[in-house]
């Protein structure tokens, strides 16, 4: 079905990430079978993963423990959450599931579709689904009214849509959809006002499978060409930044806004990789304004920030995998800010310390010997 599964394990390098379903000690069985898409269910503190080969929807809790949200059945591709409902594309149909009970709410068949894949919903009650015509050039995008389940072709074949649209994401700031394409791989925009298609950027890489957006408006794309995840700024003006490579078939990723991480399914690796959206290799005293001491520490350290900004300061601690350990806010009234922080119960040996005030952010790595 999906003529895209060529990964390059030669790109794998030693980034520190958490791979759910393989290395997590809490997992006794790996239920992932060709995971195609992840979504973070914030209300239930879990990831939901749709699997292409098995047709299962696997839920992964905060400890990495896997279980079936829905048992294997057919083939599944993309998914998204709108309200309290999980929507999943199932080749030529869309399935809807209640997030609380897991029950199937409805199953909508779309005659004339080829391979329904990436999907997103807007703020007006509509679901948009990319239809990848793998055997021809009749790629299109459908629009589904979630209130009455009626549907229409939003972008018809021959109206400027790229070949092989893999994923779509709603961009509320510009009232548009952004489309990640596999072949020839432009990033396209679809106006929600009139469904016109335009090209945002033609990246130097290709074979995109998924697109996600973080809290700061940056966009992330998975590429089968590089086996990696690439980041664009909100305006797509600068070249894409490679933030992770060596992935085995990086598929349709999602962003977890609570922990500030990406969840990337490895289609060929039967796993989900969790990647922090900030650089892992944060240099010590990157700005020259932030200091922690002692470093290494033994469960207690002091943070000192010298800067001209005044106002509310947020101090956050992250594990190297991007999991938030703790966070607090205070009021910075002078150029200097100093606080004692206790981490005696933390088992992480390396901690990322982030301070933010106004539009400024400062990062530093801390080694914790009490673990």
Protein backbone atom coordinates (compact mmCIF):
# COMPACT_ATOMS: atom_id res chain seq x y z
CA UNK A 1 0.00 0.00 0.00
CA UNK A 2 2.44 2.66 1.17
CA UNK A 3 5.31 2.77 -1.30
CA UNK A 4 7.62 4.71 0.98
CA UNK A 5 9.17 2.30 3.41
CA UNK A 6 12.90 2.57 2.72
CA UNK A 7 14.85 3.51 5.82
CA UNK A 8 18.58 4.14 6.20
CA UNK A 9 19.93 2.76 9.49
CA UNK A 10 23.35 4.13 8.60
CA UNK A 11 22.22 7.55 9.83
CA UNK A 12 21.74 6.37 13.45
CA UNK A 13 23.78 8.40 15.92
CA UNK A 14 24.09 8.59 19.70
CA UNK A 15 21.40 11.07 20.68
CA UNK A 16 19.87 10.43 24.09
CA UNK A 17 16.17 9.71 23.73
CA UNK A 18 13.57 7.48 25.29
CA UNK A 19 12.29 4.76 22.98
CA UNK A 20 8.92 3.64 24.23
CA UNK A 21 8.01 -0.01 23.77
CA UNK A 22 11.52 -1.42 23.46
CA UNK A 23 13.73 -0.18 26.27
CA UNK A 24 11.17 0.89 28.86
CA UNK A 25 11.35 -1.51 31.83
CA UNK A 26 7.63 -1.06 32.44
CA UNK A 27 6.75 -2.69 29.14
CA UNK A 28 6.39 -6.47 29.16
CA UNK A 29 5.20 -6.75 25.57
CA UNK A 30 5.62 -4.53 22.54
CA UNK A 31 2.23 -4.17 20.87
CA UNK A 32 3.42 -1.77 18.15
CA UNK A 33 3.31 -3.20 14.64
CA UNK A 34 4.24 -0.70 11.92
CA UNK A 35 3.18 2.34 13.97
CA UNK A 36 2.06 5.02 11.54
CA UNK A 37 0.82 7.91 13.66
CA UNK A 38 0.91 9.18 17.24
CA UNK A 39 -1.23 11.71 19.06
CA UNK A 40 -0.99 12.91 22.65
CA UNK A 41 -4.21 12.59 24.66
CA UNK A 42 -3.68 15.32 27.22
CA UNK A 43 -6.85 14.61 29.20
CA UNK A 44 -5.82 10.99 29.84
CA UNK A 45 -2.03 11.51 29.99
CA UNK A 46 -1.22 9.00 27.27
CA UNK A 47 -0.11 8.58 23.67
CA UNK A 48 -2.40 6.88 21.17
CA UNK A 49 -0.66 5.11 18.29
CA UNK A 50 -2.40 3.81 15.18
CA UNK A 51 -0.64 0.82 13.63
CA UNK A 52 -0.74 0.13 9.91
CA UNK A 53 -0.01 -3.58 9.82
CA UNK A 54 -2.05 -4.79 12.79
CA UNK A 55 -4.82 -2.20 12.64
CA UNK A 56 -4.55 -1.75 16.40
CA UNK A 57 -4.66 1.48 18.36
CA UNK A 58 -2.12 1.18 21.15
CA UNK A 59 -2.19 3.42 24.22
CA UNK A 60 1.07 4.19 26.03
CA UNK A 61 0.89 5.68 29.50
CA UNK A 62 3.40 7.99 31.20
CA UNK A 63 5.48 5.03 32.40
CA UNK A 64 5.74 3.52 28.91
CA UNK A 65 3.24 0.74 29.63
CA UNK A 66 1.36 -0.37 26.51
CA UNK A 67 -2.17 -1.70 26.18
CA UNK A 68 -4.81 -1.85 23.49
CA UNK A 69 -7.14 1.11 23.17
CA UNK A 70 -8.66 -0.81 20.24
CA UNK A 71 -7.76 -4.38 19.33
CA UNK A 72 -6.21 -5.18 15.91
CA UNK A 73 -8.59 -4.86 12.98
CA UNK A 74 -7.76 -4.03 9.33
CA UNK A 75 -5.20 -1.34 8.45
CA UNK A 76 -5.00 2.06 10.13
CA UNK A 77 -3.06 5.15 9.13
CA UNK A 78 -3.28 8.62 10.66
CA UNK A 79 -5.17 9.91 13.67
CA UNK A 80 -6.06 13.15 15.43
CA UNK A 81 -8.03 14.27 18.48
CA UNK A 82 -10.85 16.81 18.31
CA UNK A 83 -12.63 17.42 21.59
CA UNK A 84 -13.19 14.10 23.32
CA UNK A 85 -13.04 12.06 20.13
CA UNK A 86 -10.21 10.21 18.41
CA UNK A 87 -10.48 10.12 14.61
CA UNK A 88 -8.54 7.49 12.66
CA UNK A 89 -8.13 7.04 8.92
CA UNK A 90 -8.73 3.50 7.74
CA UNK A 91 -7.73 3.44 4.04
CA UNK A 92 -11.10 4.46 2.52
CA UNK A 93 -12.96 5.43 5.66
CA UNK A 94 -12.82 7.39 8.90
CA UNK A 95 -13.50 5.91 12.32
CA UNK A 96 -14.41 7.89 15.44
CA UNK A 97 -13.82 6.67 19.01
CA UNK A 98 -14.84 8.07 22.38
CA UNK A 99 -11.68 8.82 24.38
CA UNK A 100 -13.26 7.95 27.73
CA UNK A 101 -14.78 4.58 26.87
CA UNK A 102 -12.87 3.59 23.74
CA UNK A 103 -16.17 2.78 22.04
CA UNK A 104 -16.56 3.34 18.31
CA UNK A 105 -18.95 6.24 17.76
CA UNK A 106 -19.22 6.12 14.00
CA UNK A 107 -17.57 4.72 10.90
CA UNK A 108 -17.75 6.83 7.74
CA UNK A 109 -16.98 5.28 4.36
CA UNK A 110 -15.86 7.70 1.65
CA UNK A 111 -16.45 6.20 -1.81
CA UNK A 112 -13.86 7.26 -4.39
CA UNK A 113 -11.08 7.73 -1.87
CA UNK A 114 -7.79 5.88 -2.35
CA UNK A 115 -5.71 5.95 0.81
CA UNK A 116 -6.88 8.38 3.47
CA UNK A 117 -3.93 9.44 5.58
CA UNK A 118 -3.02 12.62 7.49
CA UNK A 119 -5.84 14.55 9.13
CA UNK A 120 -6.50 17.64 11.21
CA UNK A 121 -9.46 19.63 12.50
CA UNK A 122 -10.09 23.36 12.55
CA UNK A 123 -11.89 25.47 15.14
CA UNK A 124 -15.21 25.37 13.28
CA UNK A 125 -16.10 21.70 13.57
CA UNK A 126 -14.54 20.35 10.38
CA UNK A 127 -12.09 17.52 9.85
CA UNK A 128 -9.72 17.59 6.85
CA UNK A 129 -8.19 14.40 5.49
CA UNK A 130 -5.48 13.99 2.86
CA UNK A 131 -6.14 11.29 0.27
CA UNK A 132 -2.93 9.83 -1.18
CA UNK A 133 -3.51 8.29 -4.64
CA UNK A 134 -0.53 5.94 -4.62
CA UNK A 135 -1.36 4.50 -8.05
CA UNK A 136 -1.94 7.77 -9.90
CA UNK A 137 -2.28 11.55 -9.74
CA UNK A 138 -5.76 11.90 -8.26
CA UNK A 139 -4.58 13.15 -4.86
CA UNK A 140 -7.15 15.24 -3.01
CA UNK A 141 -8.26 16.58 0.38
CA UNK A 142 -11.65 15.85 1.93
CA UNK A 143 -13.62 18.07 4.32
CA UNK A 144 -15.91 16.37 6.84
CA UNK A 145 -18.58 18.07 8.92
CA UNK A 146 -18.22 16.51 12.37
CA UNK A 147 -21.73 17.51 13.39
CA UNK A 148 -23.62 15.56 10.72
CA UNK A 149 -20.82 13.47 9.14
CA UNK A 150 -21.40 14.85 5.67
CA UNK A 151 -18.33 15.24 3.50
CA UNK A 152 -17.12 16.95 0.35
CA UNK A 153 -13.97 17.21 -1.72
CA UNK A 154 -12.20 20.33 -0.44
CA UNK A 155 -9.28 20.23 -2.90
CA UNK A 156 -10.00 18.23 -6.03
CA UNK A 157 -7.41 16.52 -8.25
CA UNK A 158 -5.76 18.90 -10.69
CA UNK A 159 -6.13 21.97 -8.47
CA UNK A 160 -2.51 22.41 -7.46
CA UNK A 161 -2.18 19.84 -4.71
CA UNK A 162 1.17 18.06 -4.55
CA UNK A 163 1.59 14.43 -5.43
CA UNK A 164 1.23 12.10 -2.44
CA UNK A 165 0.03 14.35 0.40
CA UNK A 166 0.96 12.54 3.60
CA UNK A 167 -0.13 14.82 6.40
CA UNK A 168 -2.04 18.04 7.05
CA UNK A 169 -2.04 20.38 10.03
CA UNK A 170 -4.28 23.30 10.89
CA UNK A 171 -2.51 26.67 11.13
CA UNK A 172 -4.98 28.95 12.97
CA UNK A 173 -2.74 32.01 12.74
CA UNK A 174 -3.10 32.08 8.96
CA UNK A 175 -6.46 30.29 8.62
CA UNK A 176 -4.95 27.59 6.45
CA UNK A 177 -3.88 23.99 6.26
CA UNK A 178 -0.24 23.07 5.83
CA UNK A 179 0.45 19.96 3.78
CA UNK A 180 3.50 17.70 3.98
CA UNK A 181 4.08 15.79 0.74
CA UNK A 182 6.07 12.67 -0.03
CA UNK A 183 7.01 12.89 -3.71
CA UNK A 184 8.68 16.13 -4.88
CA UNK A 185 8.03 17.20 -1.28
CA UNK A 186 6.98 20.85 -1.21
CA UNK A 187 5.30 22.24 1.89
CA UNK A 188 1.99 23.61 0.68
CA UNK A 189 -0.70 25.82 2.14
CA UNK A 190 -4.44 25.45 1.55
CA UNK A 191 -6.57 28.49 2.29
CA UNK A 192 -9.59 27.60 4.37
CA UNK A 193 -11.40 30.60 2.92
CA UNK A 194 -11.42 29.38 -0.68
CA UNK A 195 -9.40 26.09 -0.80
CA UNK A 196 -6.70 27.57 -3.07
CA UNK A 197 -3.33 25.87 -2.92
CA UNK A 198 0.04 27.64 -2.76
CA UNK A 199 3.61 26.56 -2.13
CA UNK A 200 5.15 27.72 1.15
CA UNK A 201 8.65 26.33 0.61
CA UNK A 202 10.45 23.63 -1.36
CA UNK A 203 12.87 22.06 1.12
CA UNK A 204 16.24 20.59 0.10
CA UNK A 205 15.06 17.27 1.52
CA UNK A 206 12.00 15.21 0.75
CA UNK A 207 9.86 12.15 1.37
CA UNK A 208 7.94 13.76 4.21
CA UNK A 209 5.53 11.69 6.26
CA UNK A 210 4.33 13.95 9.06
CA UNK A 211 4.16 17.55 10.22
CA UNK A 212 3.66 18.94 13.75
CA UNK A 213 3.77 22.34 15.43
CA UNK A 214 5.15 23.23 18.86
CA UNK A 215 4.11 25.84 21.43
CA UNK A 216 6.32 28.49 19.81
CA UNK A 217 4.94 28.02 16.29
CA UNK A 218 7.90 26.02 14.95
CA UNK A 219 7.11 23.20 12.54
CA UNK A 220 8.61 19.71 12.53
CA UNK A 221 8.71 17.29 9.61
CA UNK A 222 9.69 13.64 9.43
CA UNK A 223 11.68 12.63 6.34
CA UNK A 224 12.28 9.16 4.93
CA UNK A 225 15.15 10.60 2.88
CA UNK A 226 17.23 11.40 5.95
CA UNK A 227 15.56 9.14 8.49
CA UNK A 228 15.22 12.28 10.58
CA UNK A 229 13.14 15.06 12.06
CA UNK A 230 13.65 18.58 10.69
CA UNK A 231 12.56 21.89 12.20
CA UNK A 232 11.40 25.06 10.45
CA UNK A 233 10.73 28.39 12.14
CA UNK A 234 7.19 29.81 12.05
CA UNK A 235 7.80 31.69 8.77
CA UNK A 236 9.71 28.89 6.95
CA UNK A 237 12.39 31.40 5.87
CA UNK A 238 15.52 29.73 7.19
CA UNK A 239 16.79 26.30 6.05
CA UNK A 240 15.41 23.37 8.02
CA UNK A 241 17.38 22.28 11.07
CA UNK A 242 18.01 18.56 11.55
CA UNK A 243 17.22 17.83 15.20
CA UNK A 244 17.28 14.01 15.08
CA UNK A 245 18.29 11.38 12.57
CA UNK A 246 18.90 7.65 12.49
CA UNK A 247 15.20 6.83 12.76
CA UNK A 248 13.80 3.66 11.18
CA UNK A 249 11.00 4.96 9.01
CA UNK A 250 9.93 8.13 10.83
CA UNK A 251 6.20 8.40 10.25
CA UNK A 252 3.42 10.75 11.34
CA UNK A 253 4.66 12.55 14.47
CA UNK A 254 2.82 14.59 17.10
CA UNK A 255 3.70 17.26 19.63
CA UNK A 256 3.06 16.89 23.35
CA UNK A 257 2.54 20.46 24.65
CA UNK A 258 2.66 19.42 28.31
CA UNK A 259 6.14 17.88 28.28
CA UNK A 260 7.39 19.90 25.30
CA UNK A 261 8.40 16.81 23.34
CA UNK A 262 7.76 15.19 19.98
CA UNK A 263 6.50 11.62 19.69
CA UNK A 264 7.80 10.03 16.49
CA UNK A 265 6.62 6.56 15.42
CA UNK A 266 9.26 4.37 13.77
CA UNK A 267 7.30 2.48 11.13
CA UNK A 268 10.15 0.06 10.48
CA UNK A 269 11.31 -0.06 14.09
CA UNK A 270 8.01 -0.83 15.84
CA UNK A 271 8.68 1.87 18.40
CA UNK A 272 7.88 5.43 19.36
CA UNK A 273 10.76 7.83 19.97
CA UNK A 274 10.35 10.77 22.33
CA UNK A 275 12.42 13.82 21.36
CA UNK A 276 12.68 17.11 23.29
CA UNK A 277 12.10 20.10 21.03
CA UNK A 278 15.05 22.01 22.47
CA UNK A 279 18.62 21.00 21.60
CA UNK A 280 19.87 18.08 23.67
CA UNK A 281 23.49 19.26 23.61
CA UNK A 282 22.95 22.54 25.42
CA UNK A 283 26.35 24.18 26.04
CA UNK A 284 27.24 25.23 29.57
CA UNK A 285 26.65 28.96 30.08
CA UNK A 286 25.36 29.31 26.55
CA UNK A 287 24.43 32.95 27.11
CA UNK A 288 27.05 33.83 29.71
CA UNK A 289 24.20 35.06 31.96
CA UNK A 290 23.02 31.84 33.59
CA UNK A 291 25.03 29.91 36.17
CA UNK A 292 24.34 26.95 38.42
CA UNK A 293 26.64 25.84 41.20
CA UNK A 294 27.89 23.56 42.38
CA UNK A 295 27.89 21.66 39.10
CA UNK A 296 28.00 18.68 39.51
CA UNK A 297 25.63 18.92 42.46
CA UNK A 298 24.57 16.45 45.14
CA UNK A 299 20.83 17.06 45.28
CA UNK A 300 20.96 20.80 45.86
CA UNK A 301 22.16 23.67 43.68
CA UNK A 302 21.81 27.41 43.31
CA UNK A 303 20.71 29.15 40.14
CA UNK A 304 21.94 32.66 39.31
CA UNK A 305 20.73 34.72 36.37
CA UNK A 306 22.19 38.12 35.61
CA UNK A 307 20.23 40.01 32.97
CA UNK A 308 18.52 43.35 32.43
CA UNK A 309 15.02 41.87 32.08
CA UNK A 310 12.58 42.28 34.95
CA UNK A 311 9.24 40.65 35.57
CA UNK A 312 7.94 37.10 35.92
CA UNK A 313 10.70 34.50 35.58
CA UNK A 314 9.98 30.82 34.95
CA UNK A 315 12.51 28.18 35.98
CA UNK A 316 11.98 24.69 34.56
CA UNK A 317 13.93 21.46 35.00
CA UNK A 318 13.87 18.76 32.32
CA UNK A 319 15.26 15.29 32.02
CA UNK A 320 17.52 14.68 29.04
CA UNK A 321 14.58 12.96 27.30
CA UNK A 322 12.56 16.18 27.54
CA UNK A 323 10.30 15.16 30.44
CA UNK A 324 9.52 18.09 32.70
CA UNK A 325 10.69 17.41 36.25
CA UNK A 326 9.47 20.59 37.91
CA UNK A 327 8.76 24.23 37.21
CA UNK A 328 8.13 27.38 39.24
CA UNK A 329 7.66 31.10 38.73
CA UNK A 330 8.97 34.05 40.67
CA UNK A 331 9.33 37.80 40.31
CA UNK A 332 12.68 39.19 39.12
CA UNK A 333 12.98 42.77 40.34
CA UNK A 334 16.70 43.39 39.84
CA UNK A 335 19.47 42.51 37.40
CA UNK A 336 20.42 39.53 39.57
CA UNK A 337 18.21 36.57 40.42
CA UNK A 338 19.32 33.80 42.81
CA UNK A 339 17.43 30.78 44.15
CA UNK A 340 18.28 27.50 45.90
CA UNK A 341 16.76 24.42 44.27
CA UNK A 342 16.49 20.95 45.80
CA UNK A 343 16.41 17.80 43.65
CA UNK A 344 17.26 15.17 46.26
CA UNK A 345 14.57 12.75 45.10
CA UNK A 346 15.46 12.92 41.41
CA UNK A 347 17.11 9.93 39.75
CA UNK A 348 18.16 11.77 36.59
CA UNK A 349 21.94 12.11 36.29
CA UNK A 350 21.76 14.94 33.74
CA UNK A 351 19.22 17.74 34.07
CA UNK A 352 18.49 20.59 31.69
CA UNK A 353 17.82 23.88 33.49
CA UNK A 354 15.80 26.44 31.56
CA UNK A 355 14.96 29.96 32.66
CA UNK A 356 12.72 32.27 30.70
CA UNK A 357 11.76 35.89 31.26
CA UNK A 358 9.94 37.97 28.67
CA UNK A 359 11.17 36.81 25.27
CA UNK A 360 14.55 35.63 26.57
CA UNK A 361 15.44 32.01 27.34
CA UNK A 362 18.57 30.69 29.02
CA UNK A 363 19.71 27.04 29.17
CA UNK A 364 22.36 25.10 31.03
CA UNK A 365 23.18 21.45 31.74
CA UNK A 366 23.44 20.25 35.33
CA UNK A 367 25.03 16.98 36.47
CA UNK A 368 23.24 15.42 39.43
CA UNK A 369 25.36 13.00 41.47
CA UNK A 370 22.58 12.08 43.89
CA UNK A 371 20.81 9.43 41.84
